[in-house]
């Protein structure tokens, strides 16, 4: 099992797909890394030689921000938008979609489960029964 950038790549996947398990590496970046290192894209992760894994690790560490550094960068970008009061920052602050999607219906992933409004009815408080007079 190859371990790159703190992530165990799945053994049965092709290296082109396996690299996408690392946060910050998508399909196009994975193809770019493979072309730089000169590894066959259809090679399975379990069939990689230690020298090939070393080359992959070296290229990724030198040229790409991945995992923790990438997560920090994304979080800082969102925080910057919120601090300057940009529209997208306000949407992040309110927990709503930030890229123009409709919210009248759908948007349940960002908004969370439905909160039904006006469906509850208060019960009328009854006065305590009076004790019989003697």
N, C-alpha and C. Protein backbone atom coordinates (compact mmCIF):
# COMPACT_ATOMS: atom_id res chain seq x y z
N UNK A 1 0.84 -1.17 0.00
CA UNK A 1 0.00 0.00 0.00
C UNK A 1 0.89 1.24 0.00
N UNK A 2 0.68 2.12 -0.98
CA UNK A 2 1.47 3.35 -1.09
C UNK A 2 0.88 4.41 -0.16
N UNK A 3 1.75 5.10 0.56
CA UNK A 3 1.33 6.17 1.45
C UNK A 3 2.00 7.45 0.99
N UNK A 4 1.18 8.37 0.50
CA UNK A 4 1.68 9.65 -0.02
C UNK A 4 0.92 10.76 0.67
N UNK A 5 1.63 11.76 1.19
CA UNK A 5 1.04 12.93 1.86
C UNK A 5 0.13 12.52 3.01
N UNK A 6 0.48 11.43 3.69
CA UNK A 6 -0.31 10.99 4.83
C UNK A 6 -1.58 10.25 4.49
N UNK A 7 -1.75 9.87 3.22
CA UNK A 7 -2.96 9.17 2.78
C UNK A 7 -2.56 7.81 2.21
N UNK A 8 -3.26 6.76 2.65
CA UNK A 8 -3.05 5.43 2.09
C UNK A 8 -3.85 5.33 0.79
N UNK A 9 -3.16 5.11 -0.31
CA UNK A 9 -3.85 4.99 -1.60
C UNK A 9 -4.40 3.57 -1.73
N UNK A 10 -5.62 3.40 -2.28
CA UNK A 10 -6.21 2.07 -2.41
C UNK A 10 -5.41 1.21 -3.40
N UNK A 11 -5.10 -0.03 -3.01
CA UNK A 11 -4.24 -0.91 -3.80
C UNK A 11 -4.79 -1.29 -5.16
N UNK A 12 -6.08 -1.53 -5.27
CA UNK A 12 -6.65 -2.06 -6.50
C UNK A 12 -6.91 -0.99 -7.57
N UNK A 13 -6.81 0.28 -7.21
CA UNK A 13 -7.10 1.35 -8.18
C UNK A 13 -5.88 1.62 -9.05
N UNK A 14 -6.16 2.18 -10.27
CA UNK A 14 -5.07 2.66 -11.10
C UNK A 14 -4.49 3.90 -10.45
N UNK A 15 -3.20 4.15 -10.66
CA UNK A 15 -2.53 5.26 -9.98
C UNK A 15 -3.18 6.59 -10.35
N UNK A 16 -3.68 6.69 -11.56
CA UNK A 16 -4.36 7.91 -12.02
C UNK A 16 -5.57 8.22 -11.14
N UNK A 17 -6.30 7.20 -10.73
CA UNK A 17 -7.48 7.37 -9.88
C UNK A 17 -7.07 7.43 -8.41
N UNK A 18 -6.08 6.62 -8.03
CA UNK A 18 -5.65 6.56 -6.64
C UNK A 18 -5.14 7.89 -6.11
N UNK A 19 -4.47 8.66 -6.95
CA UNK A 19 -3.95 9.96 -6.51
C UNK A 19 -5.06 10.93 -6.13
N UNK A 20 -6.25 10.76 -6.70
CA UNK A 20 -7.35 11.68 -6.39
C UNK A 20 -7.88 11.48 -4.97
N UNK A 21 -7.44 10.44 -4.27
CA UNK A 21 -7.84 10.26 -2.88
C UNK A 21 -7.12 11.25 -1.96
N UNK A 22 -6.12 11.93 -2.47
CA UNK A 22 -5.40 12.95 -1.71
C UNK A 22 -6.14 14.27 -1.87
N UNK A 23 -6.46 14.93 -0.75
CA UNK A 23 -7.19 16.21 -0.80
C UNK A 23 -6.33 17.25 -1.52
N UNK A 24 -6.89 17.87 -2.54
CA UNK A 24 -6.16 18.88 -3.31
C UNK A 24 -5.67 18.36 -4.65
N UNK A 25 -5.87 17.06 -4.93
CA UNK A 25 -5.48 16.49 -6.22
C UNK A 25 -6.73 15.92 -6.88
N UNK A 26 -7.09 16.51 -8.01
CA UNK A 26 -8.22 16.03 -8.79
C UNK A 26 -7.72 15.27 -10.00
N UNK A 27 -8.63 14.89 -10.90
CA UNK A 27 -8.23 14.11 -12.07
C UNK A 27 -7.19 14.79 -12.96
N UNK A 28 -7.37 16.07 -13.23
CA UNK A 28 -6.41 16.75 -14.13
C UNK A 28 -5.05 16.91 -13.47
N UNK A 29 -5.03 17.22 -12.19
CA UNK A 29 -3.76 17.34 -11.47
C UNK A 29 -3.06 15.99 -11.39
N UNK A 30 -3.84 14.93 -11.20
CA UNK A 30 -3.26 13.58 -11.14
C UNK A 30 -2.58 13.24 -12.47
N UNK A 31 -3.24 13.56 -13.58
CA UNK A 31 -2.63 13.31 -14.90
C UNK A 31 -1.35 14.11 -15.08
N UNK A 32 -1.35 15.36 -14.58
CA UNK A 32 -0.17 16.21 -14.69
C UNK A 32 0.99 15.61 -13.88
N UNK A 33 0.71 15.13 -12.68
CA UNK A 33 1.74 14.54 -11.83
C UNK A 33 2.31 13.29 -12.49
N UNK A 34 1.43 12.46 -13.07
CA UNK A 34 1.88 11.23 -13.71
C UNK A 34 2.75 11.53 -14.92
N UNK A 35 2.39 12.57 -15.69
CA UNK A 35 3.22 12.91 -16.85
C UNK A 35 4.59 13.45 -16.42
N UNK A 36 4.63 14.19 -15.31
CA UNK A 36 5.91 14.71 -14.81
C UNK A 36 6.81 13.57 -14.36
N UNK A 37 6.24 12.59 -13.66
CA UNK A 37 7.05 11.49 -13.12
C UNK A 37 7.34 10.40 -14.14
N UNK A 38 6.56 10.36 -15.22
CA UNK A 38 6.80 9.36 -16.26
C UNK A 38 6.30 7.98 -15.91
N UNK A 39 5.32 7.89 -15.03
CA UNK A 39 4.75 6.59 -14.64
C UNK A 39 3.57 6.28 -15.58
N UNK A 40 3.39 5.00 -15.89
CA UNK A 40 2.27 4.58 -16.72
C UNK A 40 0.97 4.79 -15.95
N UNK A 41 -0.01 5.55 -16.50
CA UNK A 41 -1.23 5.86 -15.75
C UNK A 41 -2.10 4.63 -15.45
N UNK A 42 -1.95 3.56 -16.21
CA UNK A 42 -2.78 2.39 -15.96
C UNK A 42 -2.17 1.41 -14.96
N UNK A 43 -1.02 1.76 -14.39
CA UNK A 43 -0.39 0.91 -13.37
C UNK A 43 -1.23 0.92 -12.11
N UNK A 44 -1.45 -0.25 -11.51
CA UNK A 44 -2.17 -0.34 -10.25
C UNK A 44 -1.27 0.13 -9.11
N UNK A 45 -1.86 0.66 -8.07
CA UNK A 45 -1.08 1.19 -6.94
C UNK A 45 -0.24 0.08 -6.32
N UNK A 46 -0.79 -1.13 -6.23
CA UNK A 46 -0.04 -2.23 -5.60
C UNK A 46 1.18 -2.65 -6.42
N UNK A 47 1.20 -2.34 -7.73
CA UNK A 47 2.31 -2.72 -8.60
C UNK A 47 3.39 -1.65 -8.72
N UNK A 48 3.23 -0.53 -8.01
CA UNK A 48 4.23 0.54 -8.07
C UNK A 48 5.51 0.12 -7.35
N UNK A 49 6.64 0.44 -7.94
CA UNK A 49 7.92 0.19 -7.29
C UNK A 49 8.16 1.28 -6.25
N UNK A 50 9.00 0.98 -5.27
CA UNK A 50 9.31 1.96 -4.22
C UNK A 50 9.92 3.22 -4.81
N UNK A 51 10.71 3.07 -5.87
CA UNK A 51 11.34 4.22 -6.52
C UNK A 51 10.27 5.11 -7.18
N UNK A 52 9.23 4.50 -7.77
CA UNK A 52 8.15 5.28 -8.39
C UNK A 52 7.33 6.02 -7.33
N UNK A 53 7.06 5.35 -6.21
CA UNK A 53 6.34 6.00 -5.11
C UNK A 53 7.16 7.19 -4.59
N UNK A 54 8.46 7.01 -4.50
CA UNK A 54 9.34 8.10 -4.07
C UNK A 54 9.29 9.29 -5.01
N UNK A 55 9.29 9.01 -6.32
CA UNK A 55 9.20 10.09 -7.31
C UNK A 55 7.87 10.83 -7.18
N UNK A 56 6.76 10.07 -7.03
CA UNK A 56 5.44 10.70 -6.86
C UNK A 56 5.43 11.60 -5.62
N UNK A 57 5.93 11.07 -4.51
CA UNK A 57 5.95 11.80 -3.25
C UNK A 57 6.77 13.09 -3.40
N UNK A 58 7.90 12.99 -4.07
CA UNK A 58 8.79 14.14 -4.24
C UNK A 58 8.12 15.24 -5.07
N UNK A 59 7.49 14.86 -6.19
CA UNK A 59 6.83 15.85 -7.06
C UNK A 59 5.66 16.51 -6.32
N UNK A 60 4.87 15.71 -5.61
CA UNK A 60 3.70 16.26 -4.92
C UNK A 60 4.14 17.23 -3.82
N UNK A 61 5.14 16.87 -3.04
CA UNK A 61 5.60 17.75 -1.96
C UNK A 61 6.22 19.03 -2.50
N UNK A 62 6.91 18.95 -3.64
CA UNK A 62 7.61 20.12 -4.17
C UNK A 62 6.69 21.10 -4.90
N UNK A 63 5.68 20.59 -5.62
CA UNK A 63 4.94 21.45 -6.52
C UNK A 63 3.48 21.71 -6.18
N UNK A 64 2.91 20.96 -5.23
CA UNK A 64 1.47 21.08 -4.97
C UNK A 64 1.19 21.23 -3.49
N UNK A 65 0.14 22.04 -3.18
CA UNK A 65 -0.35 22.13 -1.81
C UNK A 65 -1.43 21.07 -1.66
N UNK A 66 -1.24 20.16 -0.72
CA UNK A 66 -2.21 19.08 -0.53
C UNK A 66 -2.51 18.91 0.96
N UNK A 67 -3.60 18.20 1.24
CA UNK A 67 -4.04 17.84 2.59
C UNK A 67 -4.10 19.05 3.52
N UNK A 68 -3.36 19.07 4.61
CA UNK A 68 -3.48 20.10 5.65
C UNK A 68 -3.26 21.51 5.15
N UNK A 69 -2.23 21.70 4.34
CA UNK A 69 -1.93 23.04 3.82
C UNK A 69 -3.05 23.53 2.91
N UNK A 70 -3.61 22.63 2.12
CA UNK A 70 -4.70 22.99 1.22
C UNK A 70 -5.98 23.31 1.99
N UNK A 71 -6.28 22.49 3.00
CA UNK A 71 -7.48 22.75 3.83
C UNK A 71 -7.35 24.10 4.53
N UNK A 72 -6.16 24.42 5.03
CA UNK A 72 -5.93 25.70 5.70
C UNK A 72 -6.13 26.86 4.73
N UNK A 73 -5.62 26.70 3.52
CA UNK A 73 -5.75 27.75 2.51
C UNK A 73 -7.22 28.02 2.17
N UNK A 74 -8.00 26.95 1.99
CA UNK A 74 -9.43 27.09 1.68
C UNK A 74 -10.16 27.77 2.84
N UNK A 75 -9.86 27.34 4.07
CA UNK A 75 -10.50 27.93 5.25
C UNK A 75 -10.16 29.42 5.37
N UNK A 76 -8.91 29.77 5.09
CA UNK A 76 -8.50 31.18 5.17
C UNK A 76 -9.18 32.02 4.10
N UNK A 77 -9.37 31.45 2.91
CA UNK A 77 -10.07 32.18 1.84
C UNK A 77 -11.52 32.46 2.24
N UNK A 78 -12.18 31.48 2.84
CA UNK A 78 -13.57 31.66 3.28
C UNK A 78 -13.62 32.69 4.40
N UNK A 79 -12.68 32.61 5.33
CA UNK A 79 -12.63 33.57 6.45
C UNK A 79 -12.41 34.98 5.94
N UNK A 80 -11.54 35.14 4.93
CA UNK A 80 -11.29 36.46 4.35
C UNK A 80 -12.56 37.03 3.74
N UNK A 81 -13.33 36.20 3.02
CA UNK A 81 -14.58 36.66 2.43
C UNK A 81 -15.57 37.11 3.51
N UNK A 82 -15.61 36.37 4.62
CA UNK A 82 -16.52 36.74 5.70
C UNK A 82 -16.08 38.04 6.37
N UNK A 83 -14.76 38.21 6.56
CA UNK A 83 -14.24 39.40 7.23
C UNK A 83 -14.48 40.68 6.44
N UNK A 84 -14.35 40.61 5.11
CA UNK A 84 -14.53 41.83 4.31
C UNK A 84 -16.00 42.09 4.01
N UNK A 85 -16.88 41.16 4.39
CA UNK A 85 -18.32 41.37 4.21
C UNK A 85 -18.78 41.15 2.79
N UNK A 86 -18.06 40.34 2.03
CA UNK A 86 -18.47 40.06 0.66
C UNK A 86 -19.76 39.24 0.67
N UNK A 87 -20.50 39.28 -0.42
CA UNK A 87 -21.76 38.54 -0.52
C UNK A 87 -21.54 37.06 -0.25
N UNK A 88 -20.50 36.49 -0.88
CA UNK A 88 -20.21 35.07 -0.66
C UNK A 88 -19.87 34.79 0.79
N UNK A 89 -19.19 35.72 1.44
CA UNK A 89 -18.87 35.56 2.85
C UNK A 89 -20.10 35.56 3.72
N UNK A 90 -21.06 36.42 3.39
CA UNK A 90 -22.31 36.46 4.15
C UNK A 90 -23.08 35.16 3.98
N UNK A 91 -23.07 34.61 2.78
CA UNK A 91 -23.76 33.32 2.54
C UNK A 91 -23.10 32.21 3.35
N UNK A 92 -21.78 32.21 3.43
CA UNK A 92 -21.08 31.22 4.25
C UNK A 92 -21.47 31.39 5.72
N UNK A 93 -21.52 32.65 6.17
CA UNK A 93 -21.84 32.93 7.57
C UNK A 93 -23.24 32.43 7.93
N UNK A 94 -24.20 32.59 6.99
CA UNK A 94 -25.58 32.17 7.24
C UNK A 94 -25.81 30.69 6.96
N UNK A 95 -24.82 30.02 6.39
CA UNK A 95 -24.97 28.60 6.09
C UNK A 95 -25.86 28.34 4.89
N UNK A 96 -25.84 29.24 3.92
CA UNK A 96 -26.65 29.10 2.71
C UNK A 96 -25.73 28.87 1.51
N UNK A 97 -26.28 28.40 0.37
CA UNK A 97 -25.44 28.20 -0.81
C UNK A 97 -24.81 29.52 -1.26
N UNK A 98 -23.53 29.45 -1.66
CA UNK A 98 -22.79 30.66 -1.99
C UNK A 98 -22.66 30.89 -3.48
N UNK A 99 -23.13 29.96 -4.30
CA UNK A 99 -22.88 30.07 -5.74
C UNK A 99 -24.15 30.22 -6.57
N UNK A 100 -25.15 30.90 -6.05
CA UNK A 100 -26.30 31.26 -6.85
C UNK A 100 -27.39 30.22 -6.98
N UNK A 101 -27.33 29.13 -6.23
CA UNK A 101 -28.38 28.13 -6.33
C UNK A 101 -29.67 28.65 -5.69
N UNK A 102 -30.80 28.08 -6.10
CA UNK A 102 -32.08 28.49 -5.53
C UNK A 102 -32.21 27.91 -4.12
N UNK A 103 -32.94 28.63 -3.26
CA UNK A 103 -33.11 28.15 -1.90
C UNK A 103 -34.57 28.00 -1.51
N UNK A 104 -35.48 28.38 -2.41
CA UNK A 104 -36.90 28.22 -2.07
C UNK A 104 -37.23 26.74 -1.91
N UNK A 105 -36.71 25.94 -2.81
CA UNK A 105 -36.77 24.50 -2.64
C UNK A 105 -35.33 24.00 -2.73
N UNK A 106 -35.10 22.81 -2.33
CA UNK A 106 -33.76 22.21 -2.34
C UNK A 106 -32.82 22.93 -1.37
N UNK A 107 -31.54 22.90 -1.59
CA UNK A 107 -30.52 23.49 -0.71
C UNK A 107 -30.51 22.85 0.67
N UNK A 108 -31.03 21.64 0.79
CA UNK A 108 -31.11 20.97 2.09
C UNK A 108 -29.74 20.60 2.65
N UNK A 109 -28.75 20.39 1.80
CA UNK A 109 -27.43 20.05 2.30
C UNK A 109 -26.86 21.22 3.10
N UNK A 110 -27.00 22.43 2.60
CA UNK A 110 -26.46 23.60 3.28
C UNK A 110 -27.37 24.05 4.43
N UNK A 111 -28.71 24.00 4.23
CA UNK A 111 -29.63 24.53 5.22
C UNK A 111 -29.92 23.56 6.36
N UNK A 112 -29.67 22.27 6.14
CA UNK A 112 -29.96 21.28 7.17
C UNK A 112 -31.40 20.78 7.06
N UNK A 113 -31.83 19.93 7.99
CA UNK A 113 -33.19 19.39 7.92
C UNK A 113 -34.25 20.48 8.05
N UNK A 114 -35.44 20.21 7.52
CA UNK A 114 -36.52 21.18 7.53
C UNK A 114 -36.93 21.53 8.95
N UNK A 115 -37.25 22.81 9.14
CA UNK A 115 -37.80 23.27 10.41
C UNK A 115 -39.21 23.80 10.08
N UNK A 116 -40.22 23.04 10.41
CA UNK A 116 -41.59 23.44 10.09
C UNK A 116 -42.00 24.62 10.95
N UNK A 117 -42.57 25.64 10.31
CA UNK A 117 -42.96 26.84 11.03
C UNK A 117 -44.48 26.92 11.11
N UNK A 118 -45.03 27.24 12.27
CA UNK A 118 -46.45 27.48 12.41
C UNK A 118 -47.30 26.24 12.51
N UNK A 119 -46.73 25.09 12.70
CA UNK A 119 -47.53 23.88 12.75
C UNK A 119 -47.88 23.47 14.18
N UNK A 120 -47.22 24.05 15.14
CA UNK A 120 -47.45 23.69 16.54
C UNK A 120 -48.58 24.54 17.10
N UNK A 121 -49.39 23.96 18.01
CA UNK A 121 -50.47 24.70 18.63
C UNK A 121 -50.29 24.63 20.14
N UNK A 122 -50.37 25.77 20.78
CA UNK A 122 -50.20 25.81 22.22
C UNK A 122 -51.43 25.24 22.90
N UNK A 123 -51.22 24.52 24.00
CA UNK A 123 -52.36 24.02 24.78
C UNK A 123 -52.77 25.11 25.76
N UNK A 124 -54.08 25.24 25.97
CA UNK A 124 -54.61 26.27 26.87
C UNK A 124 -54.41 25.80 28.30
N UNK A 125 -53.82 26.64 29.14
CA UNK A 125 -53.60 26.28 30.54
C UNK A 125 -54.92 26.33 31.28
N UNK A 126 -55.28 25.25 31.96
CA UNK A 126 -56.53 25.19 32.73
C UNK A 126 -56.26 25.61 34.18
N UNK A 127 -57.20 26.33 34.79
CA UNK A 127 -56.99 26.70 36.18
C UNK A 127 -57.06 25.46 37.09
N UNK A 128 -56.36 25.52 38.19
CA UNK A 128 -56.34 24.38 39.12
C UNK A 128 -57.73 24.21 39.74
N UNK A 129 -58.17 22.97 39.98
CA UNK A 129 -59.51 22.78 40.57
C UNK A 129 -59.54 23.33 42.00
N UNK A 130 -60.70 23.93 42.31
CA UNK A 130 -60.85 24.56 43.63
C UNK A 130 -61.18 23.48 44.67
N UNK A 131 -60.66 23.68 45.83
CA UNK A 131 -60.96 22.73 46.92
C UNK A 131 -62.40 22.99 47.42
N UNK A 132 -63.17 21.93 47.76
CA UNK A 132 -64.56 22.15 48.23
C UNK A 132 -64.58 22.90 49.56
N UNK A 133 -65.51 23.82 49.72
CA UNK A 133 -65.61 24.62 50.93
C UNK A 133 -66.28 23.81 52.04
N UNK A 134 -65.85 23.96 53.28
CA UNK A 134 -66.43 23.22 54.42
C UNK A 134 -67.26 24.10 55.27
